[in-house]
Amino acid sequence: MEVKARRVGGASYQVPTEVRGDRRVALAIRWIIQFAKKRSNKEFKSFAEKLAVELMEGAKGQGEAIKKRDTIQRMADRQPRICTLKW
């Protein structure tokens, strides 16, 4: 699930929508790479090490990419009254 902004009568609503399979994979890869790049250079010498740690933490259900996914899922779950605006 993700939330998309919809304008209705001058007001913006966050409408939860289902994510297609292709976009789901693209978002996951984008977030993993994004958070691997943000890791400290003092702790990890190369990007390969950063990426490996992010992937291992993702497999454990930890890591920044997993936190981002959970945050977006919670945002979508908090919008039940606006679900009727899907079109």
PDB file of N, CA and C in Angstrom:
ATOM      1  N   MET A   1       0.845  -1.181   0.000  1.00  0.00           N
ATOM      2  CA  MET A   1       0.000   0.000   0.000  1.00  0.00           C
ATOM      3  C   MET A   1       0.886   1.238   0.000  1.00  0.00           C
ATOM      4  N   GLU A   2       0.405   2.258  -0.658  1.00  0.00           N
ATOM      5  CA  GLU A   2       1.033   3.563  -0.582  1.00  0.00           C
ATOM      6  C   GLU A   2      -0.062   4.609  -0.599  1.00  0.00           C
ATOM      7  N   VAL A   3       0.275   5.827  -0.237  1.00  0.00           N
ATOM      8  CA  VAL A   3      -0.714   6.889  -0.248  1.00  0.00           C
ATOM      9  C   VAL A   3      -0.386   7.854  -1.381  1.00  0.00           C
ATOM     10  N   LYS A   4      -1.420   8.275  -2.085  1.00  0.00           N
ATOM     11  CA  LYS A   4      -1.279   9.252  -3.159  1.00  0.00           C
ATOM     12  C   LYS A   4      -2.187  10.424  -2.847  1.00  0.00           C
ATOM     13  N   ALA A   5      -1.725  11.611  -3.171  1.00  0.00           N
ATOM     14  CA  ALA A   5      -2.509  12.808  -2.916  1.00  0.00           C
ATOM     15  C   ALA A   5      -3.576  12.973  -4.002  1.00  0.00           C
ATOM     16  N   ARG A   6      -4.810  13.224  -3.584  1.00  0.00           N
ATOM     17  CA  ARG A   6      -5.923  13.498  -4.503  1.00  0.00           C
ATOM     18  C   ARG A   6      -6.562  14.808  -4.087  1.00  0.00           C
ATOM     19  N   ARG A   7      -6.821  15.661  -5.064  1.00  0.00           N
ATOM     20  CA  ARG A   7      -7.483  16.927  -4.772  1.00  0.00           C
ATOM     21  C   ARG A   7      -8.974  16.778  -5.070  1.00  0.00           C
ATOM     22  N   VAL A   8      -9.775  17.096  -4.065  1.00  0.00           N
ATOM     23  CA  VAL A   8     -11.225  17.040  -4.215  1.00  0.00           C
ATOM     24  C   VAL A   8     -11.789  18.343  -3.655  1.00  0.00           C
ATOM     25  N   GLY A   9     -12.341  19.158  -4.538  1.00  0.00           N
ATOM     26  CA  GLY A   9     -12.973  20.399  -4.098  1.00  0.00           C
ATOM     27  C   GLY A   9     -12.041  21.350  -3.373  1.00  0.00           C
ATOM     28  N   GLY A  10     -10.789  21.418  -3.778  1.00  0.00           N
ATOM     29  CA  GLY A  10      -9.843  22.335  -3.168  1.00  0.00           C
ATOM     30  C   GLY A  10      -9.094  21.756  -1.982  1.00  0.00           C
ATOM     31  N   ALA A  11      -9.472  20.588  -1.531  1.00  0.00           N
ATOM     32  CA  ALA A  11      -8.781  19.949  -0.412  1.00  0.00           C
ATOM     33  C   ALA A  11      -7.955  18.768  -0.929  1.00  0.00           C
ATOM     34  N   SER A  12      -6.799  18.549  -0.330  1.00  0.00           N
ATOM     35  CA  SER A  12      -5.956  17.407  -0.694  1.00  0.00           C
ATOM     36  C   SER A  12      -6.163  16.292   0.312  1.00  0.00           C
ATOM     37  N   TYR A  13      -6.390  15.091  -0.196  1.00  0.00           N
ATOM     38  CA  TYR A  13      -6.572  13.923   0.649  1.00  0.00           C
ATOM     39  C   TYR A  13      -5.489  12.900   0.324  1.00  0.00           C
ATOM     40  N   GLN A  14      -5.028  12.195   1.337  1.00  0.00           N
ATOM     41  CA  GLN A  14      -4.098  11.091   1.147  1.00  0.00           C
ATOM     42  C   GLN A  14      -4.932   9.824   0.964  1.00  0.00           C
ATOM     43  N   VAL A  15      -4.953   9.300  -0.253  1.00  0.00           N
ATOM     44  CA  VAL A  15      -5.776   8.143  -0.565  1.00  0.00           C
ATOM     45  C   VAL A  15      -4.890   6.899  -0.656  1.00  0.00           C
ATOM     46  N   PRO A  16      -5.164   5.879   0.161  1.00  0.00           N
ATOM     47  CA  PRO A  16      -4.365   4.658   0.069  1.00  0.00           C
ATOM     48  C   PRO A  16      -4.676   3.888  -1.212  1.00  0.00           C
ATOM     49  N   THR A  17      -3.618   3.449  -1.903  1.00  0.00           N
ATOM     50  CA  THR A  17      -3.783   2.672  -3.128  1.00  0.00           C
ATOM     51  C   THR A  17      -2.843   1.465  -3.085  1.00  0.00           C
ATOM     52  N   GLU A  18      -3.223   0.421  -3.777  1.00  0.00           N
ATOM     53  CA  GLU A  18      -2.399  -0.777  -3.873  1.00  0.00           C
ATOM     54  C   GLU A  18      -1.258  -0.519  -4.853  1.00  0.00           C
ATOM     55  N   VAL A  19      -0.092  -1.084  -4.593  1.00  0.00           N
ATOM     56  CA  VAL A  19       1.080  -0.893  -5.442  1.00  0.00           C
ATOM     57  C   VAL A  19       1.196  -2.077  -6.395  1.00  0.00           C
ATOM     58  N   ARG A  20       1.381  -1.785  -7.700  1.00  0.00           N
ATOM     59  CA  ARG A  20       1.568  -2.848  -8.697  1.00  0.00           C
ATOM     60  C   ARG A  20       2.871  -3.589  -8.430  1.00  0.00           C
ATOM     61  N   GLY A  21       2.995  -4.776  -8.973  1.00  0.00           N
ATOM     62  CA  GLY A  21       4.172  -5.612  -8.761  1.00  0.00           C
ATOM     63  C   GLY A  21       5.471  -4.976  -9.234  1.00  0.00           C
ATOM     64  N   ASP A  22       5.458  -4.372 -10.437  1.00  0.00           N
ATOM     65  CA  ASP A  22       6.671  -3.748 -10.967  1.00  0.00           C
ATOM     66  C   ASP A  22       7.109  -2.574 -10.098  1.00  0.00           C
ATOM     67  N   ARG A  23       6.152  -1.760  -9.717  1.00  0.00           N
ATOM     68  CA  ARG A  23       6.470  -0.591  -8.890  1.00  0.00           C
ATOM     69  C   ARG A  23       6.924  -1.021  -7.496  1.00  0.00           C
ATOM     70  N   ARG A  24       6.345  -2.092  -6.993  1.00  0.00           N
ATOM     71  CA  ARG A  24       6.715  -2.604  -5.668  1.00  0.00           C
ATOM     72  C   ARG A  24       8.200  -2.965  -5.631  1.00  0.00           C
ATOM     73  N   VAL A  25       8.659  -3.663  -6.665  1.00  0.00           N
ATOM     74  CA  VAL A  25      10.067  -4.058  -6.742  1.00  0.00           C
ATOM     75  C   VAL A  25      10.957  -2.830  -6.912  1.00  0.00           C
ATOM     76  N   ALA A  26      10.535  -1.904  -7.768  1.00  0.00           N
ATOM     77  CA  ALA A  26      11.320  -0.693  -8.008  1.00  0.00           C
ATOM     78  C   ALA A  26      11.466   0.138  -6.727  1.00  0.00           C
ATOM     79  N   LEU A  27      10.383   0.280  -5.968  1.00  0.00           N
ATOM     80  CA  LEU A  27      10.455   1.031  -4.716  1.00  0.00           C
ATOM     81  C   LEU A  27      11.386   0.348  -3.720  1.00  0.00           C
ATOM     82  N   ALA A  28      11.302  -0.968  -3.626  1.00  0.00           N
ATOM     83  CA  ALA A  28      12.157  -1.701  -2.685  1.00  0.00           C
ATOM     84  C   ALA A  28      13.629  -1.516  -3.032  1.00  0.00           C
ATOM     85  N   ILE A  29      13.975  -1.659  -4.294  1.00  0.00           N
ATOM     86  CA  ILE A  29      15.369  -1.494  -4.708  1.00  0.00           C
ATOM     87  C   ILE A  29      15.830  -0.062  -4.480  1.00  0.00           C
ATOM     88  N   ARG A  30      14.978   0.900  -4.814  1.00  0.00           N
ATOM     89  CA  ARG A  30      15.320   2.317  -4.627  1.00  0.00           C
ATOM     90  C   ARG A  30      15.595   2.622  -3.155  1.00  0.00           C
ATOM     91  N   TRP A  31      14.742   2.132  -2.257  1.00  0.00           N
ATOM     92  CA  TRP A  31      14.918   2.406  -0.829  1.00  0.00           C
ATOM     93  C   TRP A  31      16.163   1.727  -0.288  1.00  0.00           C
ATOM     94  N   ILE A  32      16.433   0.497  -0.714  1.00  0.00           N
ATOM     95  CA  ILE A  32      17.627  -0.209  -0.242  1.00  0.00           C
ATOM     96  C   ILE A  32      18.886   0.540  -0.660  1.00  0.00           C
ATOM     97  N   ILE A  33      18.956   0.962  -1.910  1.00  0.00           N
ATOM     98  CA  ILE A  33      20.123   1.704  -2.390  1.00  0.00           C
ATOM     99  C   ILE A  33      20.231   3.052  -1.684  1.00  0.00           C
ATOM    100  N   GLN A  34      19.113   3.735  -1.515  1.00  0.00           N
ATOM    101  CA  GLN A  34      19.110   5.047  -0.861  1.00  0.00           C
ATOM    102  C   GLN A  34      19.666   4.961   0.560  1.00  0.00           C
ATOM    103  N   PHE A  35      19.213   3.976   1.314  1.00  0.00           N
ATOM    104  CA  PHE A  35      19.653   3.882   2.700  1.00  0.00           C
ATOM    105  C   PHE A  35      21.042   3.260   2.814  1.00  0.00           C
ATOM    106  N   ALA A  36      21.460   2.484   1.830  1.00  0.00           N
ATOM    107  CA  ALA A  36      22.836   1.994   1.823  1.00  0.00           C
ATOM    108  C   ALA A  36      23.799   3.160   1.597  1.00  0.00           C
ATOM    109  N   LYS A  37      23.434   4.103   0.722  1.00  0.00           N
ATOM    110  CA  LYS A  37      24.274   5.282   0.473  1.00  0.00           C
ATOM    111  C   LYS A  37      24.389   6.167   1.709  1.00  0.00           C
ATOM    112  N   LYS A  38      23.358   6.195   2.552  1.00  0.00           N
ATOM    113  CA  LYS A  38      23.359   7.061   3.730  1.00  0.00           C
ATOM    114  C   LYS A  38      24.183   6.501   4.890  1.00  0.00           C
ATOM    115  N   ARG A  39      24.606   5.254   4.786  1.00  0.00           N
ATOM    116  CA  ARG A  39      25.377   4.651   5.886  1.00  0.00           C
ATOM    117  C   ARG A  39      26.727   5.357   6.044  1.00  0.00           C
ATOM    118  N   SER A  40      27.264   5.298   7.253  1.00  0.00           N
ATOM    119  CA  SER A  40      28.495   5.992   7.615  1.00  0.00           C
ATOM    120  C   SER A  40      29.694   5.453   6.830  1.00  0.00           C
ATOM    121  N   ASN A  41      30.556   6.370   6.364  1.00  0.00           N
ATOM    122  CA  ASN A  41      31.774   5.962   5.675  1.00  0.00           C
ATOM    123  C   ASN A  41      32.840   5.498   6.657  1.00  0.00           C
ATOM    124  N   LYS A  42      32.734   5.924   7.911  1.00  0.00           N
ATOM    125  CA  LYS A  42      33.708   5.492   8.916  1.00  0.00           C
ATOM    126  C   LYS A  42      33.521   4.018   9.253  1.00  0.00           C
ATOM    127  N   GLU A  43      32.281   3.587   9.268  1.00  0.00           N
ATOM    128  CA  GLU A  43      31.976   2.213   9.649  1.00  0.00           C
ATOM    129  C   GLU A  43      32.200   1.234   8.494  1.00  0.00           C
ATOM    130  N   PHE A  44      31.881   1.640   7.272  1.00  0.00           N
ATOM    131  CA  PHE A  44      31.986   0.770   6.109  1.00  0.00           C
ATOM    132  C   PHE A  44      32.887   1.437   5.068  1.00  0.00           C
ATOM    133  N   LYS A  45      33.802   0.667   4.501  1.00  0.00           N
ATOM    134  CA  LYS A  45      34.786   1.232   3.572  1.00  0.00           C
ATOM    135  C   LYS A  45      34.236   1.416   2.157  1.00  0.00           C
ATOM    136  N   SER A  46      33.384   0.498   1.696  1.00  0.00           N
ATOM    137  CA  SER A  46      32.921   0.567   0.311  1.00  0.00           C
ATOM    138  C   SER A  46      31.397   0.498   0.257  1.00  0.00           C
ATOM    139  N   PHE A  47      30.886   0.858  -0.912  1.00  0.00           N
ATOM    140  CA  PHE A  47      29.435   0.789  -1.115  1.00  0.00           C
ATOM    141  C   PHE A  47      28.960  -0.652  -1.082  1.00  0.00           C
ATOM    142  N   ALA A  48      29.782  -1.573  -1.539  1.00  0.00           N
ATOM    143  CA  ALA A  48      29.413  -2.995  -1.533  1.00  0.00           C
ATOM    144  C   ALA A  48      29.162  -3.473  -0.107  1.00  0.00           C
ATOM    145  N   GLU A  49      29.985  -3.029   0.840  1.00  0.00           N
ATOM    146  CA  GLU A  49      29.781  -3.403   2.242  1.00  0.00           C
ATOM    147  C   GLU A  49      28.488  -2.797   2.788  1.00  0.00           C
ATOM    148  N   LYS A  50      28.252  -1.537   2.454  1.00  0.00           N
ATOM    149  CA  LYS A  50      27.029  -0.860   2.908  1.00  0.00           C
ATOM    150  C   LYS A  50      25.788  -1.571   2.372  1.00  0.00           C
ATOM    151  N   LEU A  51      25.829  -1.915   1.085  1.00  0.00           N
ATOM    152  CA  LEU A  51      24.704  -2.580   0.449  1.00  0.00           C
ATOM    153  C   LEU A  51      24.483  -3.974   1.041  1.00  0.00           C
ATOM    154  N   ALA A  52      25.576  -4.683   1.293  1.00  0.00           N
ATOM    155  CA  ALA A  52      25.464  -6.021   1.872  1.00  0.00           C
ATOM    156  C   ALA A  52      24.818  -5.967   3.250  1.00  0.00           C
ATOM    157  N   VAL A  53      25.213  -4.998   4.067  1.00  0.00           N
ATOM    158  CA  VAL A  53      24.644  -4.872   5.414  1.00  0.00           C
ATOM    159  C   VAL A  53      23.165  -4.519   5.333  1.00  0.00           C
ATOM    160  N   GLU A  54      22.806  -3.627   4.421  1.00  0.00           N
ATOM    161  CA  GLU A  54      21.393  -3.241   4.277  1.00  0.00           C
ATOM    162  C   GLU A  54      20.556  -4.438   3.827  1.00  0.00           C
ATOM    163  N   LEU A  55      21.075  -5.243   2.920  1.00  0.00           N
ATOM    164  CA  LEU A  55      20.357  -6.428   2.459  1.00  0.00           C
ATOM    165  C   LEU A  55      20.223  -7.470   3.571  1.00  0.00           C
ATOM    166  N   MET A  56      21.284  -7.657   4.352  1.00  0.00           N
ATOM    167  CA  MET A  56      21.223  -8.626   5.455  1.00  0.00           C
ATOM    168  C   MET A  56      20.229  -8.175   6.520  1.00  0.00           C
ATOM    169  N   GLU A  57      20.226  -6.869   6.820  1.00  0.00           N
ATOM    170  CA  GLU A  57      19.264  -6.362   7.796  1.00  0.00           C
ATOM    171  C   GLU A  57      17.839  -6.467   7.258  1.00  0.00           C
ATOM    172  N   GLY A  58      17.667  -6.266   5.967  1.00  0.00           N
ATOM    173  CA  GLY A  58      16.353  -6.421   5.360  1.00  0.00           C
ATOM    174  C   GLY A  58      15.842  -7.844   5.464  1.00  0.00           C
ATOM    175  N   ALA A  59      16.744  -8.802   5.313  1.00  0.00           N
ATOM    176  CA  ALA A  59      16.357 -10.206   5.438  1.00  0.00           C
ATOM    177  C   ALA A  59      15.929 -10.541   6.860  1.00  0.00           C
ATOM    178  N   LYS A  60      16.484  -9.824   7.834  1.00  0.00           N
ATOM    179  CA  LYS A  60      16.130 -10.031   9.236  1.00  0.00           C
ATOM    180  C   LYS A  60      14.876  -9.257   9.635  1.00  0.00           C
ATOM    181  N   GLY A  61      14.400  -8.375   8.751  1.00  0.00           N
ATOM    182  CA  GLY A  61      13.239  -7.556   9.076  1.00  0.00           C
ATOM    183  C   GLY A  61      13.624  -6.281   9.794  1.00  0.00           C
ATOM    184  N   GLN A  62      14.885  -5.897   9.684  1.00  0.00           N
ATOM    185  CA  GLN A  62      15.374  -4.660  10.290  1.00  0.00           C
ATOM    186  C   GLN A  62      15.858  -3.753   9.176  1.00  0.00           C
ATOM    187  N   GLY A  63      16.548  -2.687   9.506  1.00  0.00           N
ATOM    188  CA  GLY A  63      17.115  -1.810   8.493  1.00  0.00           C
ATOM    189  C   GLY A  63      16.206  -0.641   8.180  1.00  0.00           C
ATOM    190  N   GLU A  64      16.808   0.366   7.572  1.00  0.00           N
ATOM    191  CA  GLU A  64      16.085   1.608   7.278  1.00  0.00           C
ATOM    192  C   GLU A  64      15.043   1.426   6.176  1.00  0.00           C
ATOM    193  N   ALA A  65      15.319   0.606   5.175  1.00  0.00           N
ATOM    194  CA  ALA A  65      14.355   0.383   4.091  1.00  0.00           C
ATOM    195  C   ALA A  65      13.089  -0.291   4.629  1.00  0.00           C
ATOM    196  N   ILE A  66      13.245  -1.204   5.570  1.00  0.00           N
ATOM    197  CA  ILE A  66      12.088  -1.872   6.180  1.00  0.00           C
ATOM    198  C   ILE A  66      11.299  -0.875   7.023  1.00  0.00           C
ATOM    199  N   LYS A  67      12.000   0.002   7.731  1.00  0.00           N
ATOM    200  CA  LYS A  67      11.316   1.029   8.530  1.00  0.00           C
ATOM    201  C   LYS A  67      10.502   1.954   7.638  1.00  0.00           C
ATOM    202  N   LYS A  68      11.062   2.315   6.479  1.00  0.00           N
ATOM    203  CA  LYS A  68      10.336   3.189   5.543  1.00  0.00           C
ATOM    204  C   LYS A  68       9.082   2.490   5.028  1.00  0.00           C
ATOM    205  N   ARG A  69       9.200   1.204   4.671  1.00  0.00           N
ATOM    206  CA  ARG A  69       8.033   0.442   4.212  1.00  0.00           C
ATOM    207  C   ARG A  69       6.951   0.408   5.280  1.00  0.00           C
ATOM    208  N   ASP A  70       7.352   0.154   6.523  1.00  0.00           N
ATOM    209  CA  ASP A  70       6.389   0.095   7.622  1.00  0.00           C
ATOM    210  C   ASP A  70       5.733   1.449   7.873  1.00  0.00           C
ATOM    211  N   THR A  71       6.502   2.521   7.759  1.00  0.00           N
ATOM    212  CA  THR A  71       5.961   3.864   7.946  1.00  0.00           C
ATOM    213  C   THR A  71       4.902   4.177   6.899  1.00  0.00           C
ATOM    214  N   ILE A  72       5.171   3.850   5.650  1.00  0.00           N
ATOM    215  CA  ILE A  72       4.210   4.108   4.573  1.00  0.00           C
ATOM    216  C   ILE A  72       2.974   3.238   4.749  1.00  0.00           C
ATOM    217  N   GLN A  73       3.160   1.999   5.180  1.00  0.00           N
ATOM    218  CA  GLN A  73       2.016   1.114   5.436  1.00  0.00           C
ATOM    219  C   GLN A  73       1.136   1.684   6.548  1.00  0.00           C
ATOM    220  N   ARG A  74       1.767   2.197   7.612  1.00  0.00           N
ATOM    221  CA  ARG A  74       0.987   2.801   8.710  1.00  0.00           C
ATOM    222  C   ARG A  74       0.231   4.033   8.237  1.00  0.00           C
ATOM    223  N   MET A  75       0.861   4.842   7.372  1.00  0.00           N
ATOM    224  CA  MET A  75       0.176   6.020   6.835  1.00  0.00           C
ATOM    225  C   MET A  75      -1.054   5.602   6.041  1.00  0.00           C
ATOM    226  N   ALA A  76      -0.928   4.544   5.259  1.00  0.00           N
ATOM    227  CA  ALA A  76      -2.063   4.071   4.457  1.00  0.00           C
ATOM    228  C   ALA A  76      -3.158   3.513   5.358  1.00  0.00           C
ATOM    229  N   ASP A  77      -2.781   2.837   6.437  1.00  0.00           N
ATOM    230  CA  ASP A  77      -3.768   2.255   7.348  1.00  0.00           C
ATOM    231  C   ASP A  77      -4.510   3.322   8.147  1.00  0.00           C
ATOM    232  N   ARG A  78      -3.929   4.495   8.304  1.00  0.00           N
ATOM    233  CA  ARG A  78      -4.559   5.568   9.083  1.00  0.00           C
ATOM    234  C   ARG A  78      -5.609   6.345   8.297  1.00  0.00           C
ATOM    235  N   GLN A  79      -5.790   6.029   7.049  1.00  0.00           N
ATOM    236  CA  GLN A  79      -6.707   6.787   6.197  1.00  0.00           C
ATOM    237  C   GLN A  79      -7.963   5.994   5.834  1.00  0.00           C
ATOM    238  N   PRO A  80      -8.639   5.359   6.772  1.00  0.00           N
ATOM    239  CA  PRO A  80      -9.778   4.514   6.390  1.00  0.00           C
ATOM    240  C   PRO A  80     -10.973   5.297   5.875  1.00  0.00           C
ATOM    241  N   ARG A  81     -11.194   6.503   6.362  1.00  0.00           N
ATOM    242  CA  ARG A  81     -12.382   7.248   5.957  1.00  0.00           C
ATOM    243  C   ARG A  81     -12.272   7.770   4.524  1.00  0.00           C
ATOM    244  N   ILE A  82     -11.082   7.822   3.996  1.00  0.00           N
ATOM    245  CA  ILE A  82     -10.894   8.369   2.666  1.00  0.00           C
ATOM    246  C   ILE A  82     -10.878   7.261   1.613  1.00  0.00           C
ATOM    247  N   CYS A  83     -10.973   6.023   2.017  1.00  0.00           N
ATOM    248  CA  CYS A  83     -10.947   4.914   1.064  1.00  0.00           C
ATOM    249  C   CYS A  83     -12.061   4.993   0.046  1.00  0.00           C
ATOM    250  N   THR A  84     -13.138   5.693   0.363  1.00  0.00           N
ATOM    251  CA  THR A  84     -14.241   5.806  -0.577  1.00  0.00           C
ATOM    252  C   THR A  84     -13.904   6.699  -1.755  1.00  0.00           C
ATOM    253  N   LEU A  85     -12.780   7.440  -1.693  1.00  0.00           N
ATOM    254  CA  LEU A  85     -12.408   8.336  -2.769  1.00  0.00           C
ATOM    255  C   LEU A  85     -11.618   7.641  -3.864  1.00  0.00           C
ATOM    256  N   LYS A  86     -11.340   6.358  -3.764  1.00  0.00           N
ATOM    257  CA  LYS A  86     -10.600   5.648  -4.798  1.00  0.00           C
ATOM    258  C   LYS A  86     -11.375   5.708  -6.109  1.00  0.00           C
ATOM    259  N   TRP A  87     -10.687   5.979  -7.169  1.00  0.00           N
ATOM    260  CA  TRP A  87     -11.305   5.951  -8.484  1.00  0.00           C
ATOM    261  C   TRP A  87     -10.249   5.748  -9.533  1.00  0.00           C
TER     262      TRP A  87
END
